[in-house]
N, C-alpha and C. Protein backbone atom coordinates (compact mmCIF):
# COMPACT_ATOMS: atom_id res chain seq x y z
N UNK A 1 97.56 130.23 83.95
CA UNK A 1 97.88 131.21 85.02
C UNK A 1 98.73 131.85 86.20
N UNK A 2 99.04 132.90 86.20
CA UNK A 2 99.98 132.96 87.17
C UNK A 2 99.60 133.35 88.41
N UNK A 3 99.80 132.04 89.72
CA UNK A 3 99.44 132.28 90.97
C UNK A 3 99.20 133.28 91.60
N UNK A 4 100.05 133.99 91.34
CA UNK A 4 100.12 135.73 91.99
C UNK A 4 99.49 136.61 91.71
N UNK A 5 98.68 136.12 90.79
CA UNK A 5 97.03 136.78 89.77
C UNK A 5 96.16 136.69 90.32
N UNK A 6 95.91 135.34 91.48
CA UNK A 6 94.83 134.90 91.79
C UNK A 6 93.65 135.72 91.90
N UNK A 7 93.95 136.59 93.03
CA UNK A 7 92.54 137.73 92.97
C UNK A 7 92.45 138.40 92.38
N UNK A 8 93.12 138.91 91.71
CA UNK A 8 92.67 139.80 90.02
C UNK A 8 91.73 139.06 89.70
N UNK A 9 92.43 137.54 89.11
CA UNK A 9 91.61 136.56 87.89
C UNK A 9 90.59 136.28 88.94
N UNK A 10 89.95 135.81 89.88
CA UNK A 10 89.01 135.63 90.73
C UNK A 10 87.58 136.91 90.81
N UNK A 11 88.12 138.43 90.93
CA UNK A 11 87.74 139.25 90.91
C UNK A 11 87.12 139.42 89.33
N UNK A 12 87.98 139.67 88.59
CA UNK A 12 87.88 140.05 86.87
C UNK A 12 86.41 138.75 86.46
N UNK A 13 87.41 137.65 86.50
CA UNK A 13 86.08 136.21 86.20
C UNK A 13 84.97 136.20 86.83
N UNK A 14 84.55 136.44 87.82
CA UNK A 14 83.21 136.47 88.75
C UNK A 14 82.63 137.80 88.96
N UNK A 15 83.34 138.97 88.20
CA UNK A 15 82.43 140.48 88.13
C UNK A 15 80.71 139.96 88.02
N UNK A 16 80.75 139.47 86.82
CA UNK A 16 79.34 139.17 86.04
C UNK A 16 78.71 138.04 86.65
N UNK A 17 78.83 137.33 87.32
CA UNK A 17 78.19 136.31 88.32
C UNK A 17 77.79 137.13 89.56
N UNK A 18 78.49 137.84 90.18
CA UNK A 18 78.92 138.81 91.19
C UNK A 18 77.17 139.73 90.85
N UNK A 19 77.12 140.59 89.74
CA UNK A 19 76.38 141.34 89.09
C UNK A 19 75.24 140.56 89.15
N UNK A 20 75.20 139.18 88.57
CA UNK A 20 74.16 138.94 88.52
C UNK A 20 73.24 138.30 89.75
N UNK A 21 73.95 138.11 90.87
CA UNK A 21 73.61 137.77 91.96
C UNK A 21 72.67 138.83 92.50
N UNK A 22 73.64 140.19 93.04
CA UNK A 22 73.12 141.26 93.44
C UNK A 22 71.56 141.99 92.81
N UNK A 23 71.81 141.49 91.39
CA UNK A 23 70.22 141.89 90.54
C UNK A 23 68.81 140.78 90.69
N UNK A 24 69.30 139.35 91.26
CA UNK A 24 68.74 138.93 91.74
C UNK A 24 67.88 138.97 92.92
N UNK A 25 66.40 138.50 93.08
CA UNK A 25 66.02 138.72 94.11
C UNK A 25 65.92 137.39 94.94
N UNK A 26 65.88 137.83 96.36
CA UNK A 26 65.89 138.80 96.98
C UNK A 26 66.85 139.93 97.08
N UNK A 27 68.14 139.24 96.77
CA UNK A 27 68.98 140.08 97.30
C UNK A 27 69.05 141.86 96.33
N UNK A 28 68.20 141.46 95.54
CA UNK A 28 68.57 143.14 94.89
C UNK A 28 67.37 144.15 96.01
N UNK A 29 66.31 143.69 96.46
CA UNK A 29 65.79 144.50 97.58
C UNK A 29 66.83 145.33 98.72
N UNK A 30 68.01 144.69 99.26
CA UNK A 30 68.90 145.30 99.85
C UNK A 30 69.07 146.89 99.82
N UNK A 31 69.10 147.56 100.32
CA UNK A 31 69.70 148.95 100.46
C UNK A 31 68.83 149.71 99.92
N UNK A 32 67.37 149.07 99.70
CA UNK A 32 66.40 150.05 98.57
C UNK A 32 65.10 150.20 99.85
N UNK A 33 64.85 151.47 100.10
CA UNK A 33 64.30 152.05 101.68
C UNK A 33 62.34 151.39 101.08
N UNK A 34 62.71 151.70 99.68
CA UNK A 34 61.02 151.83 99.47
C UNK A 34 60.66 150.14 99.11
N UNK A 35 61.36 149.29 98.71
CA UNK A 35 60.96 147.97 98.43
C UNK A 35 61.52 146.61 99.31
N UNK A 36 62.41 147.11 100.07
CA UNK A 36 63.00 146.20 101.35
C UNK A 36 62.01 145.72 102.60
N UNK A 37 61.53 144.71 102.80
CA UNK A 37 61.21 144.07 103.80
C UNK A 37 61.44 142.90 104.80
N UNK A 38 61.11 142.86 105.89
CA UNK A 38 61.34 141.44 106.23
C UNK A 38 61.38 140.12 105.53
N UNK A 39 59.95 140.22 104.89
CA UNK A 39 60.44 138.95 104.09
C UNK A 39 61.07 138.71 103.14
N UNK A 40 61.63 139.52 102.10
CA UNK A 40 62.73 139.92 101.61
C UNK A 40 63.77 139.46 102.82
N UNK A 41 64.15 140.03 103.46
CA UNK A 41 65.15 139.93 104.45
C UNK A 41 65.61 138.46 104.98
N UNK A 42 64.36 137.77 105.32
CA UNK A 42 64.36 136.73 105.67
C UNK A 42 64.43 135.73 104.74
N UNK A 43 64.29 136.04 103.48
CA UNK A 43 64.65 134.90 102.08
C UNK A 43 65.97 135.10 101.83
N UNK A 44 66.67 136.35 101.89
CA UNK A 44 67.92 136.38 101.79
C UNK A 44 68.67 135.64 102.81
N UNK A 45 68.30 136.17 103.79
CA UNK A 45 69.26 134.87 104.78
C UNK A 45 69.14 133.63 104.75
N UNK A 46 68.25 132.91 104.10
CA UNK A 46 67.64 131.43 104.10
C UNK A 46 68.71 131.22 102.97
N UNK A 47 68.53 132.03 101.81
CA UNK A 47 69.33 131.78 100.50
C UNK A 47 70.89 131.42 100.63
N UNK A 48 71.17 132.70 101.89
CA UNK A 48 72.94 132.59 102.64
C UNK A 48 72.84 131.45 103.45
N UNK A 49 72.09 130.66 104.08
CA UNK A 49 72.63 130.03 104.94
C UNK A 49 72.19 128.66 103.95
N UNK A 50 71.67 128.18 103.05
CA UNK A 50 72.24 127.22 102.04
C UNK A 50 73.74 126.92 101.35
N UNK A 51 73.80 128.81 100.87
CA UNK A 51 74.95 128.57 100.46
C UNK A 51 76.02 128.29 101.69
N UNK A 52 76.27 129.22 102.77
CA UNK A 52 77.26 128.66 103.60
C UNK A 52 77.24 127.61 104.22
N UNK A 53 75.82 126.55 104.53
CA UNK A 53 75.93 125.51 104.91
C UNK A 53 76.66 124.30 103.62
N UNK A 54 76.59 124.60 102.09
CA UNK A 54 77.49 123.87 101.28
C UNK A 54 78.86 124.06 101.62
N UNK A 55 79.05 125.43 101.77
CA UNK A 55 80.58 125.66 101.49
C UNK A 55 81.40 125.58 102.85
N UNK A 56 80.79 124.86 104.22
CA UNK A 56 81.51 124.33 105.11
C UNK A 56 82.36 122.92 104.64
N UNK A 57 81.71 122.35 104.23
CA UNK A 57 82.51 121.01 103.89
C UNK A 57 83.79 121.03 102.71
N UNK A 58 83.89 122.03 101.97
CA UNK A 58 85.04 122.47 101.20
C UNK A 58 85.95 123.44 101.60
N UNK A 59 85.19 124.23 102.51
CA UNK A 59 86.30 125.53 103.35
C UNK A 59 86.99 124.47 104.21
N UNK A 60 86.61 123.59 105.37
CA UNK A 60 86.84 122.66 105.93
C UNK A 60 88.85 121.93 105.67
N UNK A 61 88.77 122.10 103.97
CA UNK A 61 89.84 121.20 103.27
C UNK A 61 90.99 122.52 103.48
N UNK A 62 90.73 124.27 104.05
CA UNK A 62 91.87 124.78 104.19
C UNK A 62 92.47 124.90 105.16
N UNK A 63 93.68 125.23 104.93
CA UNK A 63 94.57 125.26 106.33
C UNK A 63 93.88 126.23 107.71
N UNK A 64 94.42 126.41 108.95
CA UNK A 64 93.57 126.41 110.04
C UNK A 64 94.07 127.90 109.73
N UNK A 65 95.00 128.72 109.23
CA UNK A 65 95.30 130.27 109.52
C UNK A 65 93.90 130.93 108.65
N UNK A 66 93.63 130.13 107.78
CA UNK A 66 92.59 130.48 106.47
C UNK A 66 91.22 130.06 107.38
N UNK A 67 90.62 129.03 107.94
CA UNK A 67 89.73 128.86 108.45
C UNK A 67 89.28 129.63 109.46
N UNK A 68 90.41 129.86 110.46
CA UNK A 68 90.12 130.69 111.60
C UNK A 68 89.44 132.30 110.92
N UNK A 69 90.03 132.35 110.04
CA UNK A 69 89.80 133.59 109.63
C UNK A 69 88.36 134.25 109.18
N UNK A 70 87.92 132.70 108.13
CA UNK A 70 86.46 133.14 108.02
C UNK A 70 85.43 132.09 108.85
N UNK A 71 86.18 131.73 110.11
CA UNK A 71 85.25 131.73 111.42
C UNK A 71 83.76 131.18 110.95
N UNK A 72 83.60 129.93 110.25
CA UNK A 72 82.21 129.58 109.94
C UNK A 72 81.37 129.46 110.86
N UNK A 73 81.80 128.76 112.40
CA UNK A 73 81.10 128.41 113.13
C UNK A 73 80.20 129.50 113.69
N UNK A 74 80.72 130.93 114.15
CA UNK A 74 80.19 131.89 114.12
C UNK A 74 79.80 132.94 112.97
N UNK A 75 79.63 132.73 112.20
CA UNK A 75 78.59 133.15 111.18
C UNK A 75 77.49 132.77 111.01
N UNK A 76 77.61 131.04 111.04
CA UNK A 76 76.53 130.40 110.86
C UNK A 76 75.45 130.49 112.42
N UNK A 77 76.00 130.85 113.27
CA UNK A 77 75.39 130.93 114.53
C UNK A 77 74.59 131.92 114.44
N UNK A 78 75.06 133.12 114.02
CA UNK A 78 74.33 134.41 113.94
C UNK A 78 73.56 134.08 112.80
N UNK A 79 73.70 133.34 112.17
CA UNK A 79 72.47 133.60 110.79
C UNK A 79 71.35 133.20 111.24
N UNK A 80 71.43 131.88 112.02
CA UNK A 80 70.88 131.16 112.49
C UNK A 80 69.90 131.82 113.69
N UNK A 81 70.74 132.81 114.42
CA UNK A 81 69.89 133.64 115.59
C UNK A 81 68.69 134.44 114.80
N UNK A 82 69.48 134.84 113.58
CA UNK A 82 68.35 135.94 112.81
C UNK A 82 67.27 135.32 112.17
N UNK A 83 67.90 134.32 111.82
CA UNK A 83 66.53 133.56 110.94
C UNK A 83 65.35 133.01 111.94
N UNK A 84 65.83 132.70 113.26
CA UNK A 84 64.92 132.23 114.38
C UNK A 84 63.96 133.87 114.76
N UNK A 85 64.70 134.97 114.35
CA UNK A 85 63.65 135.96 114.98
C UNK A 85 62.83 136.37 113.96
N UNK A 86 62.98 136.20 112.46
CA UNK A 86 62.46 136.76 111.66
C UNK A 86 61.10 135.83 110.75
N UNK A 87 60.32 136.49 110.36
CA UNK A 87 59.17 135.57 109.95
C UNK A 87 59.62 134.67 108.28
N UNK A 88 59.37 133.47 108.60
CA UNK A 88 59.76 132.49 107.58
C UNK A 88 58.07 131.53 107.18
N UNK A 89 58.61 130.95 105.99
CA UNK A 89 57.58 129.97 105.53
C UNK A 89 58.58 128.57 105.31
N UNK A 90 58.50 127.54 105.86
CA UNK A 90 59.82 126.05 105.82
C UNK A 90 59.27 125.98 104.89
N UNK A 91 57.92 125.87 103.83
CA UNK A 91 57.89 125.32 102.28
C UNK A 91 58.46 125.88 101.82
N UNK A 92 59.71 127.17 101.95
CA UNK A 92 60.15 127.75 100.70
C UNK A 92 61.68 127.63 100.65
N UNK A 93 62.25 126.90 101.74
CA UNK A 93 63.85 126.93 101.98
C UNK A 93 64.41 126.54 100.85
N UNK A 94 65.30 127.54 100.35
CA UNK A 94 66.16 126.82 99.27
C UNK A 94 67.73 125.98 99.31
N UNK A 95 67.62 125.45 98.14
CA UNK A 95 68.67 124.05 98.55
C UNK A 95 69.89 124.72 97.42
N UNK A 96 70.97 125.12 97.81
CA UNK A 96 72.22 125.41 97.34
C UNK A 96 73.03 123.57 96.91
N UNK A 97 73.08 123.82 95.70
CA UNK A 97 73.47 122.37 94.67
C UNK A 97 74.75 123.04 93.38
N UNK A 98 75.68 122.41 93.03
CA UNK A 98 76.56 122.98 91.85
C UNK A 98 77.27 121.58 92.00
N UNK A 99 77.84 121.55 90.70
CA UNK A 99 78.34 120.39 90.12
C UNK A 99 79.99 120.89 90.29
N UNK A 100 80.57 120.30 91.07
CA UNK A 100 82.49 120.95 91.21
C UNK A 100 83.06 119.77 90.55
N UNK A 101 83.81 120.43 89.88
CA UNK A 101 85.03 119.74 89.52
C UNK A 101 85.76 119.05 90.84
N UNK A 102 86.19 117.84 90.47
CA UNK A 102 87.26 116.96 91.20
C UNK A 102 88.33 117.78 91.50
N UNK A 103 88.51 118.64 91.98
CA UNK A 103 89.39 119.81 92.57
C UNK A 103 89.39 120.41 93.89
N UNK A 104 89.62 119.63 94.71
CA UNK A 104 89.52 119.90 96.12
C UNK A 104 90.27 121.62 96.75
N UNK A 105 91.29 121.89 96.35
CA UNK A 105 91.76 123.31 95.89
C UNK A 105 91.36 124.29 95.74
N UNK A 106 90.78 123.68 94.40
CA UNK A 106 90.47 124.88 94.08
C UNK A 106 88.99 125.24 94.30
N UNK A 107 88.23 124.07 94.33
CA UNK A 107 86.81 124.64 94.68
C UNK A 107 86.81 125.02 96.16
N UNK A 108 88.18 124.79 97.40
CA UNK A 108 87.64 125.22 98.64
C UNK A 108 88.02 126.63 98.61
N UNK A 109 89.02 127.02 97.45
CA UNK A 109 89.54 128.50 97.12
C UNK A 109 88.17 129.19 96.96
N UNK A 110 87.44 128.70 96.23
CA UNK A 110 86.37 129.27 95.40
C UNK A 110 85.35 129.42 96.39
N UNK A 111 85.26 128.91 96.97
CA UNK A 111 83.78 128.63 98.24
C UNK A 111 84.09 129.82 99.35
N UNK A 112 85.63 129.60 99.53
CA UNK A 112 86.09 130.67 100.49
C UNK A 112 85.69 132.16 99.85
N UNK A 113 86.67 131.93 98.60
CA UNK A 113 86.42 133.46 97.84
C UNK A 113 85.17 134.37 98.25
N UNK A 114 84.35 133.31 97.85
CA UNK A 114 82.94 133.98 97.79
C UNK A 114 82.53 134.38 99.37
N UNK A 115 82.23 133.57 99.75
CA UNK A 115 82.03 133.51 101.94
C UNK A 115 82.89 135.11 102.13
N UNK A 116 84.24 134.76 102.00
CA UNK A 116 84.67 136.05 102.58
C UNK A 116 84.38 137.77 101.38
N UNK A 117 84.36 137.49 100.39
CA UNK A 117 84.21 138.47 99.55
C UNK A 117 82.80 138.95 100.02
N UNK A 118 81.75 138.27 100.31
CA UNK A 118 80.55 138.73 100.45
C UNK A 118 80.25 139.30 102.28
N UNK A 119 81.48 139.01 102.76
CA UNK A 119 81.54 140.00 104.09
C UNK A 119 82.29 141.30 103.91
N UNK A 120 82.76 141.35 102.64
CA UNK A 120 83.10 142.80 102.70
C UNK A 120 82.24 143.75 102.69
N UNK A 121 80.88 143.70 102.22
CA UNK A 121 79.96 144.46 102.50
C UNK A 121 79.10 144.36 103.74
N UNK A 122 79.26 143.45 104.55
CA UNK A 122 78.60 143.61 105.48
C UNK A 122 78.44 144.70 106.49
N UNK A 123 79.69 145.20 107.37
CA UNK A 123 79.49 146.82 107.48
C UNK A 123 78.10 147.72 106.85
N UNK A 124 78.77 147.50 105.84
CA UNK A 124 77.69 148.85 105.09
C UNK A 124 76.43 148.32 105.25
N UNK A 125 75.93 147.05 105.23
CA UNK A 125 74.81 146.01 105.28
C UNK A 125 73.72 146.16 106.76
N UNK A 126 74.92 146.21 107.40
CA UNK A 126 74.59 146.30 108.79
C UNK A 126 74.24 148.06 109.28
N UNK A 127 74.99 148.66 109.07
CA UNK A 127 75.08 149.83 109.15
C UNK A 127 73.44 150.68 108.85
N UNK A 128 73.47 150.13 107.03
CA UNK A 128 71.94 150.27 106.24
C UNK A 128 70.67 149.88 107.48
N UNK A 129 70.71 148.72 107.48
CA UNK A 129 69.50 148.04 108.43
C UNK A 129 69.43 148.98 109.69
N UNK A 130 70.26 149.09 110.21
CA UNK A 130 70.38 149.51 111.47
C UNK A 130 69.55 150.82 111.43
N UNK A 131 69.61 151.96 110.56
CA UNK A 131 68.91 153.23 110.49
C UNK A 131 67.98 153.04 109.90
N UNK A 132 67.63 152.00 109.08
CA UNK A 132 66.34 152.04 107.88
C UNK A 132 65.37 150.96 108.68
N UNK A 133 65.99 149.90 109.39
CA UNK A 133 64.97 149.04 110.06
C UNK A 133 65.60 148.37 111.04
N UNK A 134 65.60 149.78 112.42
CA UNK A 134 66.08 148.81 113.51
C UNK A 134 65.54 148.04 114.11
N UNK A 135 64.27 147.39 113.69
CA UNK A 135 63.54 146.26 114.38
C UNK A 135 63.74 144.93 113.71
N UNK A 136 64.79 145.00 112.42
CA UNK A 136 65.26 143.74 112.09
C UNK A 136 66.88 143.16 112.69
N UNK A 137 66.96 141.97 112.99
CA UNK A 137 68.00 141.67 114.05
C UNK A 137 69.84 141.59 112.54
N UNK A 138 70.62 141.76 113.54
CA UNK A 138 71.45 142.05 111.99
C UNK A 138 72.76 141.14 112.74
N UNK A 139 72.54 140.28 113.26
CA UNK A 139 74.01 139.02 114.04
C UNK A 139 74.78 138.91 113.10
N UNK A 140 74.06 138.38 111.53
CA UNK A 140 74.71 137.87 110.51
C UNK A 140 75.48 139.25 110.02
N UNK A 141 75.14 139.94 109.63
CA UNK A 141 75.88 140.85 108.78
C UNK A 141 77.51 141.67 109.58
N UNK A 142 76.77 141.39 111.07
CA UNK A 142 77.78 142.14 111.85
C UNK A 142 79.34 141.03 112.19
N UNK A 143 78.53 139.68 112.25
CA UNK A 143 79.49 139.02 112.26
C UNK A 143 80.36 138.70 111.04
N UNK A 144 79.53 138.89 109.67
CA UNK A 144 80.57 139.20 108.24
C UNK A 144 81.45 139.98 108.25
N UNK A 145 81.01 141.16 109.06
CA UNK A 145 81.74 142.59 108.58
C UNK A 145 83.18 142.46 109.67
N UNK A 146 82.64 141.38 110.63
CA UNK A 146 84.08 140.87 111.62
C UNK A 146 85.14 139.99 110.80
N UNK A 147 84.41 139.36 109.91
CA UNK A 147 85.44 138.33 108.58
C UNK A 147 86.06 139.03 107.76
N UNK A 148 85.11 140.17 107.57
CA UNK A 148 85.08 141.26 106.62
C UNK A 148 86.85 142.15 106.89
N UNK A 149 87.00 142.32 107.75
CA UNK A 149 87.70 143.08 108.68
C UNK A 149 89.49 141.98 108.47
N UNK A 150 89.20 140.77 107.86
CA UNK A 150 90.26 139.90 107.93
C UNK A 150 90.61 139.73 106.43
N UNK A 151 90.18 140.45 105.15
CA UNK A 151 90.79 140.71 104.02
C UNK A 151 91.34 140.38 103.52
N UNK A 152 92.30 141.43 104.09
CA UNK A 152 93.96 141.30 103.60
C UNK A 152 94.51 139.91 104.23
N UNK A 153 94.32 139.44 105.28
CA UNK A 153 95.33 137.92 106.10
C UNK A 153 94.57 137.29 105.63
N UNK A 154 93.13 137.24 104.99
CA UNK A 154 93.01 136.17 103.83
C UNK A 154 93.56 135.68 102.80
N UNK A 155 93.63 137.26 101.89
CA UNK A 155 94.35 137.33 101.09
C UNK A 155 95.93 136.36 101.20
N UNK A 156 96.34 136.92 102.10
CA UNK A 156 97.53 136.92 102.25
C UNK A 156 98.46 135.15 102.43
N UNK A 157 97.47 134.25 102.89
CA UNK A 157 97.10 132.91 103.75
C UNK A 157 97.00 132.18 102.43
N UNK A 158 95.32 132.65 101.44
CA UNK A 158 95.27 131.83 100.54
C UNK A 158 96.34 132.04 99.53
N UNK A 159 96.75 133.07 99.06
CA UNK A 159 97.81 132.89 98.05
C UNK A 159 98.84 131.80 98.12
N UNK A 160 99.34 131.93 99.64
CA UNK A 160 100.66 131.22 100.37
C UNK A 160 100.01 130.04 99.96
N UNK A 161 98.88 129.58 100.48
CA UNK A 161 98.11 128.05 100.31
C UNK A 161 97.97 127.82 98.20
N UNK A 162 97.42 128.92 97.84
CA UNK A 162 97.81 128.90 96.50
C UNK A 162 99.26 128.38 95.81
N UNK A 163 99.75 128.76 96.11
CA UNK A 163 101.22 128.32 95.82
C UNK A 163 101.43 127.07 96.15
N UNK A 164 101.69 126.90 97.81
CA UNK A 164 102.11 125.49 98.14
C UNK A 164 101.37 124.24 97.34
N UNK A 165 99.87 124.47 97.01
CA UNK A 165 99.65 123.07 96.06
C UNK A 165 98.86 123.60 95.02
N UNK A 166 99.90 124.37 94.69
CA UNK A 166 99.77 124.64 92.80
C UNK A 166 98.72 124.59 92.25
N UNK A 167 97.45 124.99 92.85
CA UNK A 167 96.25 125.41 92.49
C UNK A 167 96.48 125.77 90.53
N UNK A 168 95.12 125.48 90.17
CA UNK A 168 94.87 126.01 88.48
C UNK A 168 94.02 126.92 89.06
N UNK A 169 95.15 128.36 88.48
CA UNK A 169 93.92 129.83 89.11
C UNK A 169 92.91 129.93 87.99
N UNK A 170 92.41 129.54 86.95
CA UNK A 170 91.58 128.98 86.00
C UNK A 170 90.40 128.21 86.48
N UNK A 171 90.70 127.50 87.06
CA UNK A 171 89.43 126.33 87.62
C UNK A 171 89.19 127.01 88.87
N UNK A 172 89.90 127.81 90.00
CA UNK A 172 89.19 128.29 91.19
C UNK A 172 88.41 129.40 90.35
N UNK A 173 88.69 130.12 89.28
CA UNK A 173 87.61 130.95 88.78
C UNK A 173 86.42 130.35 88.61
N UNK A 174 86.63 129.32 87.53
CA UNK A 174 85.40 128.73 87.17
C UNK A 174 84.58 128.16 88.65
N UNK A 175 85.14 127.67 89.07
CA UNK A 175 84.40 127.18 90.48
C UNK A 175 83.85 128.11 91.32
N UNK A 176 84.60 129.57 91.69
CA UNK A 176 83.96 130.53 92.00
C UNK A 176 82.76 131.25 91.46
N UNK A 177 82.82 131.28 90.13
CA UNK A 177 81.38 131.40 89.00
C UNK A 177 80.64 130.53 89.16
N UNK A 178 81.27 129.38 89.52
CA UNK A 178 79.55 127.96 89.25
C UNK A 178 78.94 128.43 91.16
N UNK A 179 79.74 128.66 92.06
CA UNK A 179 79.11 129.23 93.70
C UNK A 179 78.56 130.10 93.58
N UNK A 180 78.33 131.15 92.78
CA UNK A 180 77.74 132.41 92.65
C UNK A 180 76.45 132.38 91.83
N UNK A 181 76.76 131.24 90.79
CA UNK A 181 75.68 130.46 89.89
C UNK A 181 74.52 129.71 90.94
N UNK A 182 75.29 129.03 91.91
CA UNK A 182 74.71 128.12 92.85
C UNK A 182 73.46 128.78 93.60
N UNK A 183 74.35 130.23 93.81
CA UNK A 183 73.43 131.27 94.79
C UNK A 183 72.45 131.67 94.19
N UNK A 184 72.19 132.07 93.16
CA UNK A 184 71.28 132.56 92.22
C UNK A 184 70.39 131.66 91.95
N UNK A 185 70.65 130.16 91.82
CA UNK A 185 69.86 129.23 91.31
C UNK A 185 68.95 128.67 93.19
N UNK A 186 69.94 129.02 93.93
CA UNK A 186 68.83 128.31 95.20
C UNK A 186 67.71 129.96 95.62
N UNK A 187 68.34 130.82 95.11
CA UNK A 187 67.11 132.30 95.44
C UNK A 187 66.28 132.13 94.05
N UNK A 188 66.43 131.09 93.28
CA UNK A 188 65.33 130.67 92.15
C UNK A 188 64.14 130.41 92.85
N UNK A 189 64.07 130.04 94.20
CA UNK A 189 62.39 129.09 94.61
C UNK A 189 61.69 130.03 95.43
N UNK A 190 62.18 131.60 95.23
CA UNK A 190 61.44 133.00 95.62
C UNK A 190 61.62 133.51 94.41
N UNK A 191 59.82 134.23 94.60
CA UNK A 191 59.67 135.55 93.58
C UNK A 191 59.30 136.31 94.35
N UNK A 192 59.67 137.46 93.67
CA UNK A 192 59.24 139.24 94.27
C UNK A 192 57.85 139.16 94.31
N UNK A 193 56.92 138.38 94.06
CA UNK A 193 55.60 138.87 94.35
C UNK A 193 54.93 138.03 95.47
N UNK A 194 56.26 137.81 96.09
CA UNK A 194 55.91 137.36 97.40
C UNK A 194 55.03 135.71 97.84
N UNK A 195 55.34 135.02 96.57
CA UNK A 195 54.66 133.56 96.34
C UNK A 195 56.05 132.91 96.07
N UNK A 196 55.69 131.42 96.62
CA UNK A 196 56.52 130.48 96.12
C UNK A 196 56.30 130.25 94.67
N UNK A 197 57.91 130.04 93.95
CA UNK A 197 57.91 129.35 92.58
C UNK A 197 57.52 128.00 92.69
N UNK A 198 56.99 127.46 91.74
CA UNK A 198 56.80 126.24 91.42
C UNK A 198 57.42 125.95 90.54
C-alpha cells in the first residue's frame, strides 16, 4: 500500500472497530442525557487510562515533533485529576492488553493514531458535559481537545516519519484495529447494569 494513503487507510480499516467501541458500555452512554451518569463517566475514564498508559511506551518511539503534539504527560495528568474526583471502585479497574506484531514503527503509529483520533471529539464531549453535567470534571476532555487542535500537524509529521521508516501501511492499520479491540476488551470488565462482570 502507498504510504501517502496512510491516514485514508487507517480511517477506512478502523472504521468498524471505532463504531464497535462507541457501541460498547460505558462509551455508549456518552452524550445521552437520559442514561449518562457519573459512574459510567468514571468507568469510561478508567478504560481510557488503561489505554493511555499502554500507549505511552510505543508512542515514545516516535520522533519528538510527534510526541510533543500528543503531550502524553499533560493528558495523563488531566485524566488522573478527573478520576480522583469521581466515584470509583478499585475492584473494577480495567486492563488493556493486545498482542502486537514485532513492528515498532507501525505499532507506534497505530497507538498514536487512536490517541490523536480520539482527541478530535474532546471539544464536543467537554462542551456537552459542561452543559448537561457541570458537576463533572472535564480536565481530560479539555486536554484532549488541545491535542485534537494539533491534528493536521500530527498527520504531516507522522506521514513524514512513515516515509522515513518505510512503514507497512497494512500493518499500521491492523495494529490500530487491535488497539481499538484492546480498548473494547478493557471495557468488558464493566456491565451496563452497574455490577462488575465476572
